[in-house]
Every structure is written in structure tokens, then in C-alpha cells.
Amino acid sequence: MSRQGQFITFEGTEGVGKSTQLANAARTLEGLGVDFIVTREPGGTPMAEAIRELLLSPREEPVHETTELLLMFAARAQHLYNRILPALNAGKWVLCDRFTDATFAYQGGGRGVSAQRIALLETLVQGEVRPDHVILLDAPVATGMARAQKRGELDRFEQEDLEFFQRIRDVYLARAAALPSRYHVIDAARSLEEVSDGVSRVLARLFKMSASL
């Protein structure tokens, strides 16, 4: 199927304000008259949300890295084919809280799963589908975790140590540096107003670019 909409993902470590900026992005696109949906990973459909619960709930049983990786891509397959692609092919923009960059960062950087294994599953599940643009909200790990701890009870990932999240941040920044035309890095340590303005300006620029095609 030929894709018509724009697929834009929001990435970053814990506590960088993705939920806040997704809401800001939605208001920005509404103002531009763009038809869009907002979704998230893991999740986005009833079955994928059930897998999300499996992945995020703290548990006594150790979760093997391969189990975690396969569950992530199982949820992604359900989400991609049942929600993301139908929206894109209907001409809608898709704003998604995380996608496969998060897998390279969390399971790759954080857990130590090889990038080759992740890339193999990426191709199997997604074919050639990749986000058109990635908005990377970046902040020092200590800053993000301090914010995350204020939200209340931590999920299974949020309970990891600072070194885990530093490895994740390093992968995100490396991926952004390797393909700057796709990644838009926003300093999420700045004030809410500054971050929101930065995200809105990126979206306005992408809208202008898409309108000229």
C-alpha cells in the first residue's frame, strides 16, 4: 500500500516529557488543519495494550531479554498493521509515543541485545516502513529520572539504574547523529515553554515541507 500521511515518532529516555509534547503536537496539528491520530508503543490496539501490561508490570520472575524483545515486536506488528498503516494510507498523520528506535535504545543499549538481532526483526515485522521523522526529546539521565520518580510508582523499566538509562541515551544520540535529516533533537531540559515551542516549530516546518510535495 502506498503511504500518504506522515509518520512522526517521539522518543527519549524516562521523564523527558513525551506525553506533554504529544499533547502539544496534537494542538499544533489541529491548528494547521492536519488530520491525525495519536498512539503509543508498546500499545495502540487492545491486543498490543495487553502485551504492554505484560512488559511493564514489575514481576518476581526474571524476564529474559529475548522474551522482552519478541513481545515488543509482537505488539508492534499488531499496532502497525491494525492502526498505523491504515491511518497513513487514509492520508492521516500518525504521532506515536515511541517506535523501533526505542527498541534499539532500550533492548539494544539498555539490555545489550545486538543491533543485528533487532534489525532482523525490524525488517521482518516492518518491511520498509520507518518513521518519516523522529522528534528526540533529550535530557541528562539524572534530570529525567528525577522527573519520572515524581510521577509515582515506577514500572519495570523505570526501576533500572542510571547506567541503564545512560546507555539508552547514548544510543538515541548516536542514531540521531547518524541520520540528522530524520531526527530532530530537542533539549528537553529547558523550560516547558521552550520545549513546546521547539516541537511546534519542527512540526510547522514538516507541514510546510509535506505541503510542497
N, C-alpha and C. Protein backbone atom coordinates (compact mmCIF):
# COMPACT_ATOMS: atom_id res chain seq x y z
N MET A 1 0.84 -1.19 0.00
CA MET A 1 0.00 0.00 0.00
C MET A 1 0.88 1.24 0.00
N SER A 2 0.50 2.25 -0.75
CA SER A 2 1.27 3.49 -0.77
C SER A 2 0.87 4.35 0.43
N ARG A 3 1.87 4.90 1.09
CA ARG A 3 1.61 5.72 2.26
C ARG A 3 1.45 7.17 1.84
N GLN A 4 0.47 7.85 2.47
CA GLN A 4 0.20 9.23 2.14
C GLN A 4 0.46 10.16 3.33
N GLY A 5 0.18 9.70 4.56
CA GLY A 5 0.36 10.54 5.72
C GLY A 5 1.82 10.59 6.16
N GLN A 6 2.07 11.38 7.19
CA GLN A 6 3.40 11.49 7.78
C GLN A 6 3.43 10.69 9.08
N PHE A 7 4.47 9.89 9.23
CA PHE A 7 4.64 9.05 10.42
C PHE A 7 5.73 9.69 11.27
N ILE A 8 5.32 10.27 12.40
CA ILE A 8 6.23 11.02 13.25
C ILE A 8 6.24 10.39 14.65
N THR A 9 7.43 10.01 15.11
CA THR A 9 7.54 9.37 16.42
C THR A 9 8.24 10.29 17.41
N PHE A 10 7.91 10.11 18.67
CA PHE A 10 8.52 10.86 19.77
C PHE A 10 9.32 9.88 20.62
N GLU A 11 10.59 10.18 20.80
CA GLU A 11 11.48 9.28 21.52
C GLU A 11 12.22 10.01 22.64
N GLY A 12 12.81 9.23 23.53
CA GLY A 12 13.60 9.79 24.62
C GLY A 12 13.59 8.87 25.82
N THR A 13 14.47 9.13 26.75
CA THR A 13 14.52 8.33 27.97
C THR A 13 13.36 8.74 28.89
N GLU A 14 13.34 8.17 30.09
CA GLU A 14 12.25 8.44 31.02
C GLU A 14 12.28 9.90 31.48
N GLY A 15 11.07 10.47 31.67
CA GLY A 15 10.96 11.79 32.26
C GLY A 15 11.28 12.96 31.37
N VAL A 16 11.35 12.76 30.04
CA VAL A 16 11.69 13.87 29.15
C VAL A 16 10.46 14.63 28.67
N GLY A 17 9.26 14.17 29.03
CA GLY A 17 8.05 14.90 28.69
C GLY A 17 7.38 14.51 27.40
N LYS A 18 7.49 13.24 27.01
CA LYS A 18 6.89 12.82 25.75
C LYS A 18 5.37 12.99 25.75
N SER A 19 4.71 12.61 26.82
CA SER A 19 3.25 12.74 26.87
C SER A 19 2.82 14.19 26.74
N THR A 20 3.52 15.08 27.43
CA THR A 20 3.20 16.51 27.35
C THR A 20 3.40 17.02 25.94
N GLN A 21 4.49 16.61 25.30
CA GLN A 21 4.79 17.11 23.96
C GLN A 21 3.92 16.46 22.88
N LEU A 22 3.43 15.26 23.13
CA LEU A 22 2.46 14.68 22.20
C LEU A 22 1.17 15.49 22.23
N ALA A 23 0.74 15.91 23.42
CA ALA A 23 -0.45 16.76 23.53
C ALA A 23 -0.21 18.10 22.86
N ASN A 24 0.97 18.65 23.04
CA ASN A 24 1.34 19.91 22.37
C ASN A 24 1.35 19.73 20.85
N ALA A 25 1.90 18.61 20.39
CA ALA A 25 1.93 18.33 18.95
C ALA A 25 0.53 18.22 18.38
N ALA A 26 -0.36 17.57 19.14
CA ALA A 26 -1.74 17.44 18.68
C ALA A 26 -2.39 18.81 18.51
N ARG A 27 -2.16 19.70 19.46
CA ARG A 27 -2.73 21.05 19.34
C ARG A 27 -2.14 21.79 18.14
N THR A 28 -0.85 21.58 17.90
CA THR A 28 -0.19 22.23 16.77
C THR A 28 -0.78 21.76 15.45
N LEU A 29 -0.95 20.44 15.31
CA LEU A 29 -1.50 19.91 14.06
C LEU A 29 -2.96 20.31 13.87
N GLU A 30 -3.70 20.39 14.97
CA GLU A 30 -5.08 20.87 14.87
C GLU A 30 -5.11 22.28 14.30
N GLY A 31 -4.19 23.11 14.79
CA GLY A 31 -4.11 24.48 14.31
C GLY A 31 -3.73 24.58 12.84
N LEU A 32 -3.01 23.59 12.36
CA LEU A 32 -2.60 23.56 10.96
C LEU A 32 -3.63 22.88 10.06
N GLY A 33 -4.68 22.35 10.67
CA GLY A 33 -5.72 21.68 9.89
C GLY A 33 -5.34 20.29 9.41
N VAL A 34 -4.44 19.63 10.14
CA VAL A 34 -3.97 18.29 9.75
C VAL A 34 -4.85 17.22 10.39
N ASP A 35 -5.24 16.24 9.62
CA ASP A 35 -5.96 15.07 10.13
C ASP A 35 -4.93 14.10 10.68
N PHE A 36 -5.07 13.68 11.94
CA PHE A 36 -4.03 12.87 12.57
C PHE A 36 -4.61 11.96 13.65
N ILE A 37 -3.78 11.00 14.08
CA ILE A 37 -4.08 10.20 15.26
C ILE A 37 -2.87 10.25 16.19
N VAL A 38 -3.12 10.03 17.47
CA VAL A 38 -2.06 9.92 18.47
C VAL A 38 -2.10 8.51 19.04
N THR A 39 -0.95 7.86 19.09
CA THR A 39 -0.91 6.49 19.58
C THR A 39 0.39 6.25 20.34
N ARG A 40 0.62 5.02 20.79
CA ARG A 40 1.82 4.76 21.59
C ARG A 40 2.29 3.33 21.44
N GLU A 41 3.56 3.14 21.84
CA GLU A 41 4.14 1.79 21.87
C GLU A 41 4.86 1.56 23.19
N PRO A 42 4.89 0.32 23.67
CA PRO A 42 4.01 -0.75 23.18
C PRO A 42 2.56 -0.40 23.49
N GLY A 43 1.69 -0.78 22.60
CA GLY A 43 0.27 -0.49 22.76
C GLY A 43 -0.35 -0.03 21.47
N GLY A 44 -1.43 0.72 21.58
CA GLY A 44 -2.08 1.29 20.41
C GLY A 44 -3.29 0.54 19.91
N THR A 45 -3.41 -0.74 20.24
CA THR A 45 -4.60 -1.54 19.95
C THR A 45 -4.90 -2.36 21.20
N PRO A 46 -6.10 -2.92 21.33
CA PRO A 46 -6.39 -3.69 22.55
C PRO A 46 -5.40 -4.82 22.80
N MET A 47 -5.06 -5.58 21.77
CA MET A 47 -4.13 -6.69 21.97
C MET A 47 -2.73 -6.17 22.32
N ALA A 48 -2.29 -5.13 21.62
CA ALA A 48 -0.97 -4.57 21.90
C ALA A 48 -0.91 -3.94 23.29
N GLU A 49 -2.03 -3.39 23.75
CA GLU A 49 -2.07 -2.84 25.11
C GLU A 49 -1.96 -3.96 26.15
N ALA A 50 -2.54 -5.12 25.85
CA ALA A 50 -2.40 -6.27 26.76
C ALA A 50 -0.94 -6.71 26.85
N ILE A 51 -0.24 -6.68 25.72
CA ILE A 51 1.19 -7.02 25.73
C ILE A 51 1.97 -5.96 26.50
N ARG A 52 1.57 -4.70 26.38
CA ARG A 52 2.22 -3.62 27.13
C ARG A 52 2.16 -3.90 28.63
N GLU A 53 1.01 -4.35 29.08
CA GLU A 53 0.86 -4.66 30.51
C GLU A 53 1.82 -5.77 30.93
N LEU A 54 1.98 -6.77 30.08
CA LEU A 54 2.94 -7.84 30.36
C LEU A 54 4.36 -7.30 30.47
N LEU A 55 4.69 -6.38 29.59
CA LEU A 55 6.05 -5.86 29.52
C LEU A 55 6.39 -4.92 30.67
N LEU A 56 5.44 -4.09 31.07
CA LEU A 56 5.75 -3.03 32.03
C LEU A 56 5.53 -3.41 33.48
N SER A 57 4.71 -4.41 33.73
CA SER A 57 4.40 -4.76 35.12
C SER A 57 5.61 -5.36 35.83
N PRO A 58 5.99 -4.84 36.99
CA PRO A 58 7.06 -5.46 37.78
C PRO A 58 6.67 -6.89 38.16
N ARG A 59 7.63 -7.79 38.15
CA ARG A 59 7.33 -9.18 38.48
C ARG A 59 8.56 -9.83 39.08
N GLU A 60 8.33 -10.86 39.87
CA GLU A 60 9.44 -11.58 40.51
C GLU A 60 10.19 -12.45 39.51
N GLU A 61 9.46 -13.01 38.55
CA GLU A 61 10.10 -13.87 37.55
C GLU A 61 10.99 -13.04 36.63
N PRO A 62 12.26 -13.41 36.47
CA PRO A 62 13.13 -12.67 35.55
C PRO A 62 12.58 -12.75 34.12
N VAL A 63 12.63 -11.63 33.42
CA VAL A 63 12.19 -11.59 32.02
C VAL A 63 13.43 -11.66 31.14
N HIS A 64 13.56 -12.73 30.36
CA HIS A 64 14.73 -12.88 29.51
C HIS A 64 14.71 -11.81 28.42
N GLU A 65 15.88 -11.36 28.02
CA GLU A 65 15.99 -10.30 27.01
C GLU A 65 15.32 -10.68 25.70
N THR A 66 15.37 -11.97 25.33
CA THR A 66 14.74 -12.40 24.08
C THR A 66 13.23 -12.36 24.20
N THR A 67 12.71 -12.74 25.36
CA THR A 67 11.27 -12.65 25.60
C THR A 67 10.80 -11.22 25.46
N GLU A 68 11.53 -10.31 26.10
CA GLU A 68 11.18 -8.90 26.05
C GLU A 68 11.21 -8.37 24.61
N LEU A 69 12.25 -8.73 23.89
CA LEU A 69 12.40 -8.27 22.51
C LEU A 69 11.26 -8.77 21.62
N LEU A 70 10.93 -10.05 21.74
CA LEU A 70 9.88 -10.62 20.90
C LEU A 70 8.51 -10.05 21.25
N LEU A 71 8.27 -9.81 22.53
CA LEU A 71 6.99 -9.20 22.92
C LEU A 71 6.88 -7.78 22.35
N MET A 72 7.97 -7.05 22.37
CA MET A 72 7.96 -5.70 21.80
C MET A 72 7.55 -5.74 20.33
N PHE A 73 8.14 -6.66 19.58
CA PHE A 73 7.83 -6.72 18.16
C PHE A 73 6.47 -7.36 17.89
N ALA A 74 6.01 -8.23 18.77
CA ALA A 74 4.65 -8.77 18.62
C ALA A 74 3.62 -7.65 18.76
N ALA A 75 3.81 -6.81 19.78
CA ALA A 75 2.91 -5.66 19.96
C ALA A 75 3.02 -4.71 18.77
N ARG A 76 4.24 -4.52 18.28
CA ARG A 76 4.46 -3.60 17.15
C ARG A 76 3.77 -4.09 15.88
N ALA A 77 3.84 -5.38 15.63
CA ALA A 77 3.18 -5.92 14.42
C ALA A 77 1.68 -5.66 14.47
N GLN A 78 1.08 -5.94 15.62
CA GLN A 78 -0.36 -5.72 15.78
C GLN A 78 -0.71 -4.24 15.59
N HIS A 79 0.09 -3.39 16.19
CA HIS A 79 -0.12 -1.95 16.12
C HIS A 79 0.07 -1.41 14.70
N LEU A 80 1.14 -1.84 14.07
CA LEU A 80 1.48 -1.35 12.74
C LEU A 80 0.39 -1.68 11.72
N TYR A 81 -0.02 -2.94 11.69
CA TYR A 81 -0.95 -3.38 10.64
C TYR A 81 -2.41 -3.05 10.95
N ASN A 82 -2.75 -2.91 12.22
CA ASN A 82 -4.15 -2.64 12.57
C ASN A 82 -4.46 -1.17 12.81
N ARG A 83 -3.40 -0.36 13.02
CA ARG A 83 -3.69 1.05 13.30
C ARG A 83 -2.82 2.02 12.53
N ILE A 84 -1.50 1.85 12.58
CA ILE A 84 -0.62 2.85 11.97
C ILE A 84 -0.77 2.90 10.46
N LEU A 85 -0.60 1.76 9.78
CA LEU A 85 -0.68 1.77 8.32
C LEU A 85 -2.06 2.16 7.79
N PRO A 86 -3.16 1.68 8.39
CA PRO A 86 -4.46 2.15 7.91
C PRO A 86 -4.61 3.67 8.01
N ALA A 87 -4.09 4.26 9.10
CA ALA A 87 -4.18 5.72 9.25
C ALA A 87 -3.34 6.43 8.19
N LEU A 88 -2.12 5.97 7.99
CA LEU A 88 -1.24 6.59 7.00
C LEU A 88 -1.83 6.50 5.60
N ASN A 89 -2.40 5.36 5.28
CA ASN A 89 -2.95 5.19 3.95
C ASN A 89 -4.26 5.92 3.74
N ALA A 90 -4.87 6.37 4.85
CA ALA A 90 -6.04 7.22 4.75
C ALA A 90 -5.64 8.69 4.67
N GLY A 91 -4.32 8.96 4.61
CA GLY A 91 -3.84 10.31 4.50
C GLY A 91 -3.63 11.02 5.82
N LYS A 92 -3.78 10.29 6.92
CA LYS A 92 -3.61 10.91 8.24
C LYS A 92 -2.14 10.93 8.66
N TRP A 93 -1.79 11.89 9.48
CA TRP A 93 -0.51 11.88 10.14
C TRP A 93 -0.62 11.00 11.38
N VAL A 94 0.44 10.32 11.71
CA VAL A 94 0.48 9.49 12.91
C VAL A 94 1.54 10.04 13.85
N LEU A 95 1.11 10.42 15.04
CA LEU A 95 2.02 10.83 16.11
C LEU A 95 2.12 9.67 17.08
N CYS A 96 3.30 9.09 17.22
CA CYS A 96 3.45 7.87 18.02
C CYS A 96 4.48 8.06 19.12
N ASP A 97 4.06 7.74 20.34
CA ASP A 97 4.94 7.74 21.51
C ASP A 97 5.77 6.46 21.46
N ARG A 98 6.99 6.59 20.96
CA ARG A 98 7.97 5.52 20.77
C ARG A 98 7.65 4.64 19.54
N PHE A 99 8.71 4.07 18.99
CA PHE A 99 8.61 3.06 17.92
C PHE A 99 9.91 2.28 17.97
N THR A 100 10.44 1.85 16.85
CA THR A 100 11.57 0.92 16.88
C THR A 100 12.87 1.55 17.36
N ASP A 101 13.01 2.86 17.26
CA ASP A 101 14.18 3.49 17.87
C ASP A 101 14.28 3.14 19.34
N ALA A 102 13.13 3.05 20.00
CA ALA A 102 13.12 2.69 21.42
C ALA A 102 13.64 1.28 21.64
N THR A 103 13.39 0.39 20.71
CA THR A 103 13.88 -0.97 20.85
C THR A 103 15.40 -1.01 20.70
N PHE A 104 15.92 -0.29 19.72
CA PHE A 104 17.38 -0.20 19.59
C PHE A 104 17.99 0.42 20.85
N ALA A 105 17.30 1.38 21.45
CA ALA A 105 17.84 2.06 22.63
C ALA A 105 17.67 1.23 23.90
N TYR A 106 16.46 0.76 24.16
CA TYR A 106 16.19 0.05 25.42
C TYR A 106 16.68 -1.39 25.40
N GLN A 107 16.26 -2.15 24.40
CA GLN A 107 16.71 -3.54 24.36
C GLN A 107 18.15 -3.64 23.84
N GLY A 108 18.52 -2.76 22.92
CA GLY A 108 19.89 -2.77 22.40
C GLY A 108 20.86 -2.14 23.37
N GLY A 109 20.73 -0.84 23.60
CA GLY A 109 21.63 -0.15 24.51
C GLY A 109 21.47 -0.59 25.95
N GLY A 110 20.23 -0.62 26.41
CA GLY A 110 19.98 -0.95 27.81
C GLY A 110 20.26 -2.39 28.17
N ARG A 111 19.71 -3.32 27.40
CA ARG A 111 19.84 -4.76 27.71
C ARG A 111 21.06 -5.40 27.07
N GLY A 112 21.61 -4.78 26.04
CA GLY A 112 22.77 -5.36 25.39
C GLY A 112 22.45 -6.31 24.25
N VAL A 113 21.19 -6.30 23.77
CA VAL A 113 20.84 -7.12 22.60
C VAL A 113 21.53 -6.52 21.38
N SER A 114 22.06 -7.37 20.53
CA SER A 114 22.81 -6.87 19.38
C SER A 114 21.88 -6.12 18.41
N ALA A 115 22.42 -5.08 17.81
CA ALA A 115 21.66 -4.30 16.84
C ALA A 115 21.26 -5.17 15.65
N GLN A 116 22.08 -6.17 15.33
CA GLN A 116 21.77 -7.04 14.20
C GLN A 116 20.50 -7.86 14.45
N ARG A 117 20.35 -8.35 15.67
CA ARG A 117 19.13 -9.11 16.00
C ARG A 117 17.90 -8.22 15.91
N ILE A 118 18.03 -7.00 16.42
CA ILE A 118 16.90 -6.08 16.38
C ILE A 118 16.57 -5.71 14.94
N ALA A 119 17.59 -5.45 14.14
CA ALA A 119 17.37 -5.08 12.74
C ALA A 119 16.70 -6.20 11.96
N LEU A 120 17.03 -7.44 12.29
CA LEU A 120 16.40 -8.58 11.63
C LEU A 120 14.89 -8.59 11.88
N LEU A 121 14.51 -8.38 13.14
CA LEU A 121 13.09 -8.34 13.48
C LEU A 121 12.42 -7.10 12.91
N GLU A 122 13.15 -6.00 12.87
CA GLU A 122 12.61 -4.77 12.28
C GLU A 122 12.20 -5.02 10.84
N THR A 123 13.06 -5.67 10.07
CA THR A 123 12.75 -5.96 8.68
C THR A 123 11.61 -6.96 8.55
N LEU A 124 11.63 -7.97 9.39
CA LEU A 124 10.57 -9.00 9.36
C LEU A 124 9.20 -8.39 9.63
N VAL A 125 9.10 -7.56 10.64
CA VAL A 125 7.82 -7.01 11.06
C VAL A 125 7.39 -5.81 10.22
N GLN A 126 8.34 -4.93 9.93
CA GLN A 126 8.00 -3.65 9.32
C GLN A 126 8.24 -3.57 7.82
N GLY A 127 8.99 -4.51 7.26
CA GLY A 127 9.37 -4.36 5.86
C GLY A 127 10.18 -3.10 5.70
N GLU A 128 9.73 -2.21 4.83
CA GLU A 128 10.44 -0.95 4.61
C GLU A 128 9.84 0.22 5.39
N VAL A 129 8.85 -0.04 6.22
CA VAL A 129 8.21 1.05 6.96
C VAL A 129 9.14 1.57 8.05
N ARG A 130 9.40 2.87 8.02
CA ARG A 130 10.17 3.56 9.04
C ARG A 130 9.50 4.90 9.31
N PRO A 131 9.71 5.49 10.47
CA PRO A 131 9.15 6.83 10.70
C PRO A 131 9.71 7.82 9.68
N ASP A 132 8.88 8.75 9.25
CA ASP A 132 9.36 9.80 8.36
C ASP A 132 10.26 10.76 9.14
N HIS A 133 9.89 11.02 10.38
CA HIS A 133 10.67 11.91 11.23
C HIS A 133 10.57 11.45 12.68
N VAL A 134 11.65 11.69 13.41
CA VAL A 134 11.72 11.33 14.82
C VAL A 134 12.04 12.59 15.62
N ILE A 135 11.18 12.92 16.56
CA ILE A 135 11.45 14.03 17.48
C ILE A 135 12.03 13.42 18.75
N LEU A 136 13.31 13.66 18.95
CA LEU A 136 14.03 13.09 20.09
C LEU A 136 14.12 14.14 21.20
N LEU A 137 13.41 13.88 22.27
CA LEU A 137 13.45 14.75 23.44
C LEU A 137 14.60 14.28 24.32
N ASP A 138 15.61 15.10 24.45
CA ASP A 138 16.84 14.69 25.12
C ASP A 138 17.10 15.52 26.36
N ALA A 139 17.45 14.84 27.45
CA ALA A 139 17.82 15.50 28.70
C ALA A 139 18.79 14.60 29.44
N PRO A 140 19.63 15.16 30.31
CA PRO A 140 20.50 14.32 31.13
C PRO A 140 19.69 13.28 31.89
N VAL A 141 20.25 12.10 32.02
CA VAL A 141 19.53 10.99 32.65
C VAL A 141 19.06 11.34 34.06
N ALA A 142 19.91 11.96 34.84
CA ALA A 142 19.53 12.30 36.21
C ALA A 142 18.33 13.23 36.25
N THR A 143 18.28 14.16 35.31
CA THR A 143 17.15 15.08 35.23
C THR A 143 15.86 14.34 34.92
N GLY A 144 15.91 13.47 33.91
CA GLY A 144 14.73 12.72 33.52
C GLY A 144 14.24 11.79 34.60
N MET A 145 15.15 11.09 35.26
CA MET A 145 14.74 10.15 36.30
C MET A 145 14.16 10.87 37.51
N ALA A 146 14.67 12.04 37.83
CA ALA A 146 14.11 12.81 38.94
C ALA A 146 12.67 13.19 38.63
N ARG A 147 12.39 13.53 37.39
CA ARG A 147 11.02 13.84 36.99
C ARG A 147 10.15 12.60 37.04
N ALA A 148 10.67 11.47 36.53
CA ALA A 148 9.90 10.23 36.48
C ALA A 148 9.51 9.76 37.88
N GLN A 149 10.40 9.92 38.84
CA GLN A 149 10.12 9.47 40.20
C GLN A 149 9.02 10.27 40.87
N LYS A 150 8.78 11.48 40.38
CA LYS A 150 7.72 12.31 40.94
C LYS A 150 6.33 11.87 40.45
N ARG A 151 6.31 11.03 39.40
CA ARG A 151 5.03 10.62 38.83
C ARG A 151 4.35 9.55 39.67
N GLY A 152 5.08 8.91 40.58
CA GLY A 152 4.51 7.85 41.40
C GLY A 152 5.22 6.53 41.23
N GLU A 153 4.48 5.44 41.30
CA GLU A 153 5.06 4.10 41.25
C GLU A 153 5.77 3.88 39.90
N LEU A 154 6.97 3.32 39.97
CA LEU A 154 7.77 3.10 38.77
C LEU A 154 7.44 1.75 38.14
N ASP A 155 7.43 1.70 36.79
CA ASP A 155 7.18 0.43 36.12
C ASP A 155 8.48 -0.38 36.06
N ARG A 156 8.42 -1.53 35.40
CA ARG A 156 9.57 -2.45 35.40
C ARG A 156 10.82 -1.81 34.78
N PHE A 157 10.65 -1.00 33.75
CA PHE A 157 11.79 -0.35 33.11
C PHE A 157 12.32 0.80 33.95
N GLU A 158 11.41 1.57 34.50
CA GLU A 158 11.81 2.74 35.28
C GLU A 158 12.58 2.38 36.54
N GLN A 159 12.50 1.12 36.95
CA GLN A 159 13.22 0.68 38.15
C GLN A 159 14.69 0.35 37.88
N GLU A 160 15.11 0.45 36.63
CA GLU A 160 16.51 0.16 36.31
C GLU A 160 17.41 1.30 36.82
N ASP A 161 18.74 1.03 36.85
CA ASP A 161 19.67 2.02 37.39
C ASP A 161 20.03 3.09 36.35
N LEU A 162 20.75 4.12 36.81
CA LEU A 162 21.09 5.24 35.94
C LEU A 162 21.98 4.82 34.77
N GLU A 163 22.85 3.83 35.00
CA GLU A 163 23.73 3.38 33.92
C GLU A 163 22.93 2.79 32.77
N PHE A 164 21.86 2.08 33.10
CA PHE A 164 20.96 1.52 32.09
C PHE A 164 20.43 2.63 31.19
N PHE A 165 19.97 3.71 31.81
CA PHE A 165 19.38 4.81 31.04
C PHE A 165 20.43 5.65 30.32
N GLN A 166 21.65 5.68 30.86
CA GLN A 166 22.71 6.38 30.14
C GLN A 166 23.04 5.65 28.84
N ARG A 167 23.06 4.33 28.88
CA ARG A 167 23.30 3.56 27.66
C ARG A 167 22.19 3.80 26.64
N ILE A 168 20.98 3.91 27.13
CA ILE A 168 19.84 4.19 26.25
C ILE A 168 20.00 5.56 25.59
N ARG A 169 20.33 6.56 26.41
CA ARG A 169 20.50 7.90 25.86
C ARG A 169 21.62 7.94 24.82
N ASP A 170 22.69 7.23 25.10
CA ASP A 170 23.82 7.20 24.16
C ASP A 170 23.40 6.65 22.80
N VAL A 171 22.59 5.59 22.81
CA VAL A 171 22.12 5.00 21.55
C VAL A 171 21.22 5.99 20.80
N TYR A 172 20.30 6.61 21.51
CA TYR A 172 19.43 7.59 20.86
C TYR A 172 20.25 8.69 20.17
N LEU A 173 21.21 9.24 20.90
CA LEU A 173 22.01 10.33 20.34
C LEU A 173 22.86 9.87 19.17
N ALA A 174 23.36 8.63 19.24
CA ALA A 174 24.16 8.09 18.13
C ALA A 174 23.29 7.92 16.89
N ARG A 175 22.08 7.43 17.06
CA ARG A 175 21.18 7.25 15.91
C ARG A 175 20.79 8.60 15.31
N ALA A 176 20.58 9.58 16.16
CA ALA A 176 20.24 10.92 15.66
C ALA A 176 21.41 11.53 14.89
N ALA A 177 22.62 11.34 15.40
CA ALA A 177 23.80 11.90 14.73
C ALA A 177 24.05 11.23 13.38
N ALA A 178 23.67 9.95 13.27
CA ALA A 178 23.92 9.21 12.04
C ALA A 178 22.96 9.60 10.91
N LEU A 179 21.79 10.13 11.27
CA LEU A 179 20.80 10.48 10.24
C LEU A 179 20.08 11.78 10.63
N PRO A 180 20.79 12.89 10.60
CA PRO A 180 20.22 14.16 11.08
C PRO A 180 19.04 14.66 10.27
N SER A 181 18.86 14.20 9.05
CA SER A 181 17.71 14.65 8.27
C SER A 181 16.40 14.07 8.79
N ARG A 182 16.47 12.95 9.48
CA ARG A 182 15.26 12.31 10.00
C ARG A 182 15.01 12.66 11.47
N TYR A 183 16.08 12.88 12.22
CA TYR A 183 15.95 13.10 13.66
C TYR A 183 16.02 14.58 14.00
N HIS A 184 15.14 15.01 14.88
CA HIS A 184 15.09 16.39 15.33
C HIS A 184 15.27 16.38 16.84
N VAL A 185 16.44 16.77 17.30
CA VAL A 185 16.77 16.68 18.72
C VAL A 185 16.35 17.96 19.42
N ILE A 186 15.53 17.81 20.45
CA ILE A 186 15.04 18.94 21.24
C ILE A 186 15.62 18.82 22.65
N ASP A 187 16.18 19.91 23.16
CA ASP A 187 16.73 19.93 24.52
C ASP A 187 15.58 19.95 25.52
N ALA A 188 15.26 18.77 26.07
CA ALA A 188 14.12 18.64 26.97
C ALA A 188 14.41 19.08 28.39
N ALA A 189 15.65 19.52 28.66
CA ALA A 189 15.99 20.04 29.98
C ALA A 189 15.59 21.51 30.10
N ARG A 190 15.22 22.13 29.01
CA ARG A 190 14.81 23.53 29.04
C ARG A 190 13.40 23.66 29.63
N SER A 191 12.92 24.88 29.74
CA SER A 191 11.58 25.12 30.29
C SER A 191 10.52 24.49 29.39
N LEU A 192 9.36 24.22 29.96
CA LEU A 192 8.26 23.62 29.21
C LEU A 192 7.90 24.48 28.00
N GLU A 193 7.87 25.79 28.18
CA GLU A 193 7.52 26.68 27.08
C GLU A 193 8.53 26.59 25.95
N GLU A 194 9.81 26.52 26.29
CA GLU A 194 10.84 26.43 25.26
C GLU A 194 10.78 25.11 24.52
N VAL A 195 10.56 24.02 25.25
CA VAL A 195 10.47 22.71 24.62
C VAL A 195 9.25 22.64 23.70
N SER A 196 8.12 23.12 24.20
CA SER A 196 6.89 23.10 23.41
C SER A 196 7.04 23.93 22.15
N ASP A 197 7.69 25.08 22.27
CA ASP A 197 7.92 25.93 21.10
C ASP A 197 8.82 25.23 20.09
N GLY A 198 9.85 24.55 20.58
CA GLY A 198 10.75 23.82 19.68
C GLY A 198 10.03 22.73 18.92
N VAL A 199 9.19 21.97 19.61
CA VAL A 199 8.44 20.89 18.96
C VAL A 199 7.46 21.46 17.93
N SER A 200 6.77 22.52 18.31
CA SER A 200 5.79 23.12 17.39
C SER A 200 6.47 23.66 16.14
N ARG A 201 7.65 24.23 16.29
CA ARG A 201 8.36 24.76 15.13
C ARG A 201 8.81 23.63 14.19
N VAL A 202 9.23 22.51 14.78
CA VAL A 202 9.60 21.36 13.94
C VAL A 202 8.38 20.89 13.14
N LEU A 203 7.25 20.75 13.81
CA LEU A 203 6.04 20.27 13.12
C LEU A 203 5.57 21.24 12.05
N ALA A 204 5.66 22.53 12.33
CA ALA A 204 5.26 23.52 11.32
C ALA A 204 6.16 23.43 10.09
N ARG A 205 7.45 23.19 10.32
CA ARG A 205 8.38 23.04 9.20
C ARG A 205 8.08 21.78 8.40
N LEU A 206 7.76 20.67 9.10
CA LEU A 206 7.43 19.43 8.40
C LEU A 206 6.14 19.56 7.62
N PHE A 207 5.20 20.29 8.18
CA PHE A 207 3.93 20.53 7.47
C PHE A 207 4.17 21.31 6.19
N LYS A 208 5.01 22.33 6.27
CA LYS A 208 5.33 23.13 5.09
C LYS A 208 6.02 22.28 4.03
N MET A 209 6.94 21.41 4.49
CA MET A 209 7.63 20.53 3.55
C MET A 209 6.68 19.58 2.88
N SER A 210 5.77 18.97 3.64
CA SER A 210 4.83 17.99 3.08
C SER A 210 3.85 18.65 2.12
N ALA A 211 3.48 19.89 2.42
CA ALA A 211 2.53 20.60 1.56
C ALA A 211 3.14 20.95 0.21
N SER A 212 4.47 21.02 0.15
CA SER A 212 5.13 21.40 -1.09
C SER A 212 5.42 20.21 -1.98
N LEU A 213 5.18 18.99 -1.48
CA LEU A 213 5.47 17.79 -2.27
C LEU A 213 4.42 17.56 -3.36
